[in-house]
Amino acid sequence: MHCPYCHNADSRVVDTRIADDGASIRRRRECTACKRRFTTLETSLFQVVKRSGVIEPFSRDKVVNGVRRACQGRPVSEQDLALLAQQVEETLRASGVSIVSSEEVGKAILPYLSDLDQIAYLRFASVYRGFKTLDDFEAAIAELRGRQDVPDPAPAQDAVPAGESKAPGARQARRRPRRTAAAPEEPTLLDG
């Protein structure tokens, strides 16, 4: 690393710290020639190829802004959006490639958004996938319903004969049917 003061090519690392939630490393360096200190910030190169062919650095803010529009009016907090953007970035970085397409970014957003809010998912997917008909929406809804966990059946309770309790000394609560007070009949206009 070249010294920004004397342009010497040799420097030594004095301190290293993780920054930006692990996305970069901050190093404090000292020039071996002039003994002045400076800071460097090292990040891995991670870029997105847009549909137009333009290549730009990946931005969590762009992910958040795109998803925020789909979540408008929904009970989704800014913290939820920030976490979603972090999860998307981690998923894409885990793929091991340094350049991804904007389509891959959109695909990476969908599963996290469906877990966060299904209505926002449908909104985002309708734009991202280019829904043209109601059939497209119905297919996406069917896909969401297929992902939903089937609730566990209620645990079977042991049959206990009437008058006996499961635990010694425990009182058995009996349900009584509700009684409704009979409303007094009021005369109507048809009554003579």
C-alpha atoms as a PDB file:
ATOM      1  CA  MET A   1       0.000   0.000   0.000  1.00  0.00           C
ATOM      2  CA  HIS A   2       1.463   3.361  -1.043  1.00  0.00           C
ATOM      3  CA  CYS A   3       1.765   6.059   1.612  1.00  0.00           C
ATOM      4  CA  PRO A   4      -0.587   8.964   0.746  1.00  0.00           C
ATOM      5  CA  TYR A   5       1.976  11.465   2.113  1.00  0.00           C
ATOM      6  CA  CYS A   6       5.376  10.432   0.705  1.00  0.00           C
ATOM      7  CA  HIS A   7       4.227   7.793  -1.821  1.00  0.00           C
ATOM      8  CA  ASN A   8       6.550   5.162  -0.370  1.00  0.00           C
ATOM      9  CA  ALA A   9       5.457   1.695  -1.484  1.00  0.00           C
ATOM     10  CA  ASP A  10       6.098   0.075   1.889  1.00  0.00           C
ATOM     11  CA  SER A  11       3.881   0.324   4.973  1.00  0.00           C
ATOM     12  CA  ARG A  12       3.128  -1.859   7.937  1.00  0.00           C
ATOM     13  CA  VAL A  13      -0.245  -2.689   9.504  1.00  0.00           C
ATOM     14  CA  VAL A  14      -0.617  -1.333  13.042  1.00  0.00           C
ATOM     15  CA  ASP A  15      -4.263  -2.264  13.727  1.00  0.00           C
ATOM     16  CA  THR A  16      -6.990  -4.261  11.961  1.00  0.00           C
ATOM     17  CA  ARG A  17     -10.728  -4.122  12.686  1.00  0.00           C
ATOM     18  CA  ILE A  18     -13.848  -5.457  11.046  1.00  0.00           C
ATOM     19  CA  ALA A  19     -16.236  -2.750   9.809  1.00  0.00           C
ATOM     20  CA  ASP A  20     -19.693  -2.513   8.200  1.00  0.00           C
ATOM     21  CA  ASP A  21     -21.035  -5.706   9.793  1.00  0.00           C
ATOM     22  CA  GLY A  22     -18.174  -7.752   8.403  1.00  0.00           C
ATOM     23  CA  ALA A  23     -18.447  -6.408   4.852  1.00  0.00           C
ATOM     24  CA  SER A  24     -15.107  -4.596   5.067  1.00  0.00           C
ATOM     25  CA  ILE A  25     -11.865  -4.441   7.025  1.00  0.00           C
ATOM     26  CA  ARG A  26     -10.409  -1.225   8.415  1.00  0.00           C
ATOM     27  CA  ARG A  27      -6.626  -1.201   8.710  1.00  0.00           C
ATOM     28  CA  ARG A  28      -4.473   1.398  10.415  1.00  0.00           C
ATOM     29  CA  ARG A  29      -1.097   1.565   8.663  1.00  0.00           C
ATOM     30  CA  GLU A  30       2.236   3.268   9.266  1.00  0.00           C
ATOM     31  CA  CYS A  31       4.635   4.290   6.506  1.00  0.00           C
ATOM     32  CA  THR A  32       8.112   2.808   6.992  1.00  0.00           C
ATOM     33  CA  ALA A  33       9.775   5.885   5.437  1.00  0.00           C
ATOM     34  CA  CYS A  34       8.017   8.959   6.914  1.00  0.00           C
ATOM     35  CA  LYS A  35       6.458   7.183   9.945  1.00  0.00           C
ATOM     36  CA  ARG A  36       3.069   8.861   9.339  1.00  0.00           C
ATOM     37  CA  ARG A  37      -0.106   6.858   9.872  1.00  0.00           C
ATOM     38  CA  PHE A  38      -3.101   6.441   7.589  1.00  0.00           C
ATOM     39  CA  THR A  39      -6.248   4.306   7.408  1.00  0.00           C
ATOM     40  CA  THR A  40      -7.344   1.993   4.617  1.00  0.00           C
ATOM     41  CA  LEU A  41     -10.704   0.344   4.129  1.00  0.00           C
ATOM     42  CA  GLU A  42     -10.676  -2.962   2.304  1.00  0.00           C
ATOM     43  CA  THR A  43     -13.811  -4.470   0.790  1.00  0.00           C
ATOM     44  CA  SER A  44     -14.322  -7.349  -1.555  1.00  0.00           C
ATOM     45  CA  LEU A  45     -15.420  -6.356  -5.027  1.00  0.00           C
ATOM     46  CA  PHE A  46     -19.088  -7.196  -5.494  1.00  0.00           C
ATOM     47  CA  GLN A  47     -20.910  -5.768  -8.477  1.00  0.00           C
ATOM     48  CA  VAL A  48     -24.283  -5.966 -10.218  1.00  0.00           C
ATOM     49  CA  VAL A  49     -24.850  -6.024 -13.969  1.00  0.00           C
ATOM     50  CA  LYS A  50     -28.031  -4.131 -14.768  1.00  0.00           C
ATOM     51  CA  ARG A  51     -30.353  -4.989 -17.674  1.00  0.00           C
ATOM     52  CA  SER A  52     -28.846  -2.125 -19.667  1.00  0.00           C
ATOM     53  CA  GLY A  53     -25.399  -3.724 -19.304  1.00  0.00           C
ATOM     54  CA  VAL A  54     -24.100  -1.087 -16.882  1.00  0.00           C
ATOM     55  CA  ILE A  55     -22.011  -2.529 -14.045  1.00  0.00           C
ATOM     56  CA  GLU A  56     -22.259  -0.880 -10.635  1.00  0.00           C
ATOM     57  CA  PRO A  57     -21.343  -1.809  -7.049  1.00  0.00           C
ATOM     58  CA  PHE A  58     -23.929  -3.786  -5.090  1.00  0.00           C
ATOM     59  CA  SER A  59     -25.934  -1.507  -2.819  1.00  0.00           C
ATOM     60  CA  ARG A  60     -28.041  -2.655   0.119  1.00  0.00           C
ATOM     61  CA  ASP A  61     -29.789   0.715  -0.046  1.00  0.00           C
ATOM     62  CA  LYS A  62     -31.073  -0.057  -3.541  1.00  0.00           C
ATOM     63  CA  VAL A  63     -32.423  -3.402  -2.333  1.00  0.00           C
ATOM     64  CA  VAL A  64     -34.140  -1.685   0.611  1.00  0.00           C
ATOM     65  CA  ASN A  65     -35.629   1.038  -1.618  1.00  0.00           C
ATOM     66  CA  GLY A  66     -36.982  -1.489  -4.114  1.00  0.00           C
ATOM     67  CA  VAL A  67     -38.536  -3.666  -1.437  1.00  0.00           C
ATOM     68  CA  ARG A  68     -39.831  -0.640   0.495  1.00  0.00           C
ATOM     69  CA  ARG A  69     -42.140   0.208  -2.423  1.00  0.00           C
ATOM     70  CA  ALA A  70     -43.633  -3.280  -2.311  1.00  0.00           C
ATOM     71  CA  CYS A  71     -44.055  -3.005   1.472  1.00  0.00           C
ATOM     72  CA  GLN A  72     -45.798   0.368   1.367  1.00  0.00           C
ATOM     73  CA  GLY A  73     -48.749   0.304   3.752  1.00  0.00           C
ATOM     74  CA  ARG A  74     -47.712  -3.063   5.185  1.00  0.00           C
ATOM     75  CA  PRO A  75     -46.546  -3.734   8.771  1.00  0.00           C
ATOM     76  CA  VAL A  76     -42.853  -3.979   7.843  1.00  0.00           C
ATOM     77  CA  SER A  77     -40.263  -1.958   9.768  1.00  0.00           C
ATOM     78  CA  GLU A  78     -37.086  -0.347   8.486  1.00  0.00           C
ATOM     79  CA  GLN A  79     -35.148  -2.843  10.601  1.00  0.00           C
ATOM     80  CA  ASP A  80     -36.909  -5.705   8.784  1.00  0.00           C
ATOM     81  CA  LEU A  81     -35.937  -4.177   5.436  1.00  0.00           C
ATOM     82  CA  ALA A  82     -32.305  -3.714   6.513  1.00  0.00           C
ATOM     83  CA  LEU A  83     -32.142  -7.327   7.679  1.00  0.00           C
ATOM     84  CA  LEU A  84     -33.647  -8.525   4.390  1.00  0.00           C
ATOM     85  CA  ALA A  85     -31.028  -6.555   2.418  1.00  0.00           C
ATOM     86  CA  GLN A  86     -28.244  -8.035   4.552  1.00  0.00           C
ATOM     87  CA  GLN A  87     -29.585 -11.569   4.030  1.00  0.00           C
ATOM     88  CA  VAL A  88     -29.811 -10.994   0.273  1.00  0.00           C
ATOM     89  CA  GLU A  89     -26.240  -9.717   0.131  1.00  0.00           C
ATOM     90  CA  GLU A  90     -24.948 -12.639   2.203  1.00  0.00           C
ATOM     91  CA  THR A  91     -26.764 -15.110  -0.047  1.00  0.00           C
ATOM     92  CA  LEU A  92     -25.334 -13.554  -3.197  1.00  0.00           C
ATOM     93  CA  ARG A  93     -21.803 -13.326  -1.781  1.00  0.00           C
ATOM     94  CA  ALA A  94     -22.003 -16.970  -0.700  1.00  0.00           C
ATOM     95  CA  SER A  95     -22.437 -17.926  -4.343  1.00  0.00           C
ATOM     96  CA  GLY A  96     -18.733 -17.154  -4.742  1.00  0.00           C
ATOM     97  CA  VAL A  97     -19.006 -14.871  -7.785  1.00  0.00           C
ATOM     98  CA  SER A  98     -18.028 -11.217  -7.740  1.00  0.00           C
ATOM     99  CA  ILE A  99     -20.463 -10.053 -10.434  1.00  0.00           C
ATOM    100  CA  VAL A 100     -24.178 -10.925 -10.386  1.00  0.00           C
ATOM    101  CA  SER A 101     -27.039  -9.854 -12.626  1.00  0.00           C
ATOM    102  CA  SER A 102     -29.909  -7.709 -11.394  1.00  0.00           C
ATOM    103  CA  GLU A 103     -32.181 -10.694 -12.133  1.00  0.00           C
ATOM    104  CA  GLU A 104     -30.214 -12.783  -9.642  1.00  0.00           C
ATOM    105  CA  VAL A 105     -30.608 -10.029  -7.055  1.00  0.00           C
ATOM    106  CA  GLY A 106     -34.376 -10.108  -7.605  1.00  0.00           C
ATOM    107  CA  LYS A 107     -34.460 -13.898  -7.310  1.00  0.00           C
ATOM    108  CA  ALA A 108     -32.500 -13.677  -4.057  1.00  0.00           C
ATOM    109  CA  ILE A 109     -35.005 -11.138  -2.651  1.00  0.00           C
ATOM    110  CA  LEU A 110     -38.132 -13.229  -3.287  1.00  0.00           C
ATOM    111  CA  PRO A 111     -37.778 -15.997  -0.663  1.00  0.00           C
ATOM    112  CA  TYR A 112     -36.869 -13.563   2.123  1.00  0.00           C
ATOM    113  CA  LEU A 113     -39.719 -11.242   1.163  1.00  0.00           C
ATOM    114  CA  SER A 114     -42.256 -14.087   1.114  1.00  0.00           C
ATOM    115  CA  ASP A 115     -41.218 -14.938   4.678  1.00  0.00           C
ATOM    116  CA  LEU A 116     -41.458 -11.280   5.700  1.00  0.00           C
ATOM    117  CA  ASP A 117     -44.814 -10.328   4.142  1.00  0.00           C
ATOM    118  CA  GLN A 118     -46.795 -12.285   1.575  1.00  0.00           C
ATOM    119  CA  ILE A 119     -48.688  -9.288   0.187  1.00  0.00           C
ATOM    120  CA  ALA A 120     -45.429  -7.388  -0.341  1.00  0.00           C
ATOM    121  CA  TYR A 121     -44.058 -10.537  -1.983  1.00  0.00           C
ATOM    122  CA  LEU A 122     -46.946 -10.582  -4.465  1.00  0.00           C
ATOM    123  CA  ARG A 123     -46.451  -6.901  -5.233  1.00  0.00           C
ATOM    124  CA  PHE A 124     -42.703  -7.311  -5.771  1.00  0.00           C
ATOM    125  CA  ALA A 125     -43.074 -10.543  -7.747  1.00  0.00           C
ATOM    126  CA  SER A 126     -45.737  -9.011 -10.001  1.00  0.00           C
ATOM    127  CA  VAL A 127     -43.284  -6.329 -11.110  1.00  0.00           C
ATOM    128  CA  TYR A 128     -40.133  -8.457 -11.033  1.00  0.00           C
ATOM    129  CA  ARG A 129     -41.659 -11.394 -12.901  1.00  0.00           C
ATOM    130  CA  GLY A 130     -43.832  -9.167 -15.089  1.00  0.00           C
ATOM    131  CA  PHE A 131     -47.273 -10.569 -14.296  1.00  0.00           C
ATOM    132  CA  LYS A 132     -49.634  -9.979 -17.217  1.00  0.00           C
ATOM    133  CA  THR A 133     -52.830 -11.778 -16.177  1.00  0.00           C
ATOM    134  CA  LEU A 134     -54.733 -12.876 -13.112  1.00  0.00           C
ATOM    135  CA  ASP A 135     -53.480 -16.400 -13.813  1.00  0.00           C
ATOM    136  CA  ASP A 136     -49.967 -15.185 -12.993  1.00  0.00           C
ATOM    137  CA  PHE A 137     -51.193 -13.922  -9.622  1.00  0.00           C
ATOM    138  CA  GLU A 138     -53.124 -17.132  -8.983  1.00  0.00           C
ATOM    139  CA  ALA A 139     -50.009 -19.207  -9.714  1.00  0.00           C
ATOM    140  CA  ALA A 140     -47.954 -17.082  -7.298  1.00  0.00           C
ATOM    141  CA  ILE A 141     -50.644 -17.384  -4.621  1.00  0.00           C
ATOM    142  CA  ALA A 142     -50.768 -21.156  -5.119  1.00  0.00           C
ATOM    143  CA  GLU A 143     -46.984 -21.239  -4.757  1.00  0.00           C
ATOM    144  CA  LEU A 144     -47.222 -19.291  -1.488  1.00  0.00           C
ATOM    145  CA  ARG A 145     -49.931 -21.602  -0.189  1.00  0.00           C
ATOM    146  CA  GLY A 146     -47.759 -24.586  -1.049  1.00  0.00           C
ATOM    147  CA  ARG A 147     -44.908 -23.146   1.044  1.00  0.00           C
ATOM    148  CA  GLN A 148     -47.042 -22.552   4.114  1.00  0.00           C
ATOM    149  CA  ASP A 149     -46.423 -24.994   6.899  1.00  0.00           C
ATOM    150  CA  VAL A 150     -49.324 -27.224   7.678  1.00  0.00           C
ATOM    151  CA  PRO A 151     -50.207 -26.659  11.339  1.00  0.00           C
ATOM    152  CA  ASP A 152     -49.414 -29.561  13.638  1.00  0.00           C
ATOM    153  CA  PRO A 153     -52.501 -31.461  14.740  1.00  0.00           C
ATOM    154  CA  ALA A 154     -53.544 -30.870  18.326  1.00  0.00           C
ATOM    155  CA  PRO A 155     -51.918 -33.373  20.668  1.00  0.00           C
ATOM    156  CA  ALA A 156     -54.261 -36.229  21.475  1.00  0.00           C
ATOM    157  CA  GLN A 157     -55.612 -35.986  24.972  1.00  0.00           C
ATOM    158  CA  ASP A 158     -56.075 -39.075  27.048  1.00  0.00           C
ATOM    159  CA  ALA A 159     -59.676 -39.942  27.570  1.00  0.00           C
ATOM    160  CA  VAL A 160     -60.590 -39.533  31.208  1.00  0.00           C
ATOM    161  CA  PRO A 161     -63.818 -41.010  32.509  1.00  0.00           C
ATOM    162  CA  ALA A 162     -66.333 -38.496  33.808  1.00  0.00           C
ATOM    163  CA  GLY A 163     -65.806 -37.545  37.415  1.00  0.00           C
ATOM    164  CA  GLU A 164     -62.111 -38.538  37.410  1.00  0.00           C
ATOM    165  CA  SER A 165     -59.209 -36.167  36.962  1.00  0.00           C
ATOM    166  CA  LYS A 166     -55.835 -36.676  35.284  1.00  0.00           C
ATOM    167  CA  ALA A 167     -53.804 -35.597  38.282  1.00  0.00           C
ATOM    168  CA  PRO A 168     -54.615 -36.435  41.883  1.00  0.00           C
ATOM    169  CA  GLY A 169     -56.199 -33.481  43.607  1.00  0.00           C
ATOM    170  CA  ALA A 170     -56.876 -31.616  40.342  1.00  0.00           C
ATOM    171  CA  ARG A 171     -60.357 -30.296  39.815  1.00  0.00           C
ATOM    172  CA  GLN A 172     -62.085 -30.983  36.578  1.00  0.00           C
ATOM    173  CA  ALA A 173     -63.699 -27.926  35.046  1.00  0.00           C
ATOM    174  CA  ARG A 174     -67.122 -28.562  33.600  1.00  0.00           C
ATOM    175  CA  ARG A 175     -68.472 -26.496  30.787  1.00  0.00           C
ATOM    176  CA  ARG A 176     -72.001 -25.417  31.081  1.00  0.00           C
ATOM    177  CA  PRO A 177     -73.967 -24.198  28.138  1.00  0.00           C
ATOM    178  CA  ARG A 178     -74.522 -20.458  28.110  1.00  0.00           C
ATOM    179  CA  ARG A 179     -77.949 -19.249  28.992  1.00  0.00           C
ATOM    180  CA  THR A 180     -79.271 -16.286  27.184  1.00  0.00           C
ATOM    181  CA  ALA A 181     -81.872 -14.177  28.782  1.00  0.00           C
ATOM    182  CA  ALA A 182     -85.087 -14.225  26.837  1.00  0.00           C
ATOM    183  CA  ALA A 183     -85.784 -10.772  25.515  1.00  0.00           C
ATOM    184  CA  PRO A 184     -89.257  -9.520  26.316  1.00  0.00           C
ATOM    185  CA  GLU A 185     -91.370  -9.298  23.221  1.00  0.00           C
ATOM    186  CA  GLU A 186     -92.079  -5.768  22.197  1.00  0.00           C
ATOM    187  CA  PRO A 187     -95.206  -4.861  20.322  1.00  0.00           C
ATOM    188  CA  THR A 188     -94.762  -4.191  16.623  1.00  0.00           C
ATOM    189  CA  LEU A 189     -96.753  -2.078  14.229  1.00  0.00           C
ATOM    190  CA  LEU A 190     -98.476  -5.180  12.901  1.00  0.00           C
ATOM    191  CA  ASP A 191     -99.891  -6.039  16.313  1.00  0.00           C
ATOM    192  CA  GLY A 192    -103.360  -4.648  16.596  1.00  0.00           C
END
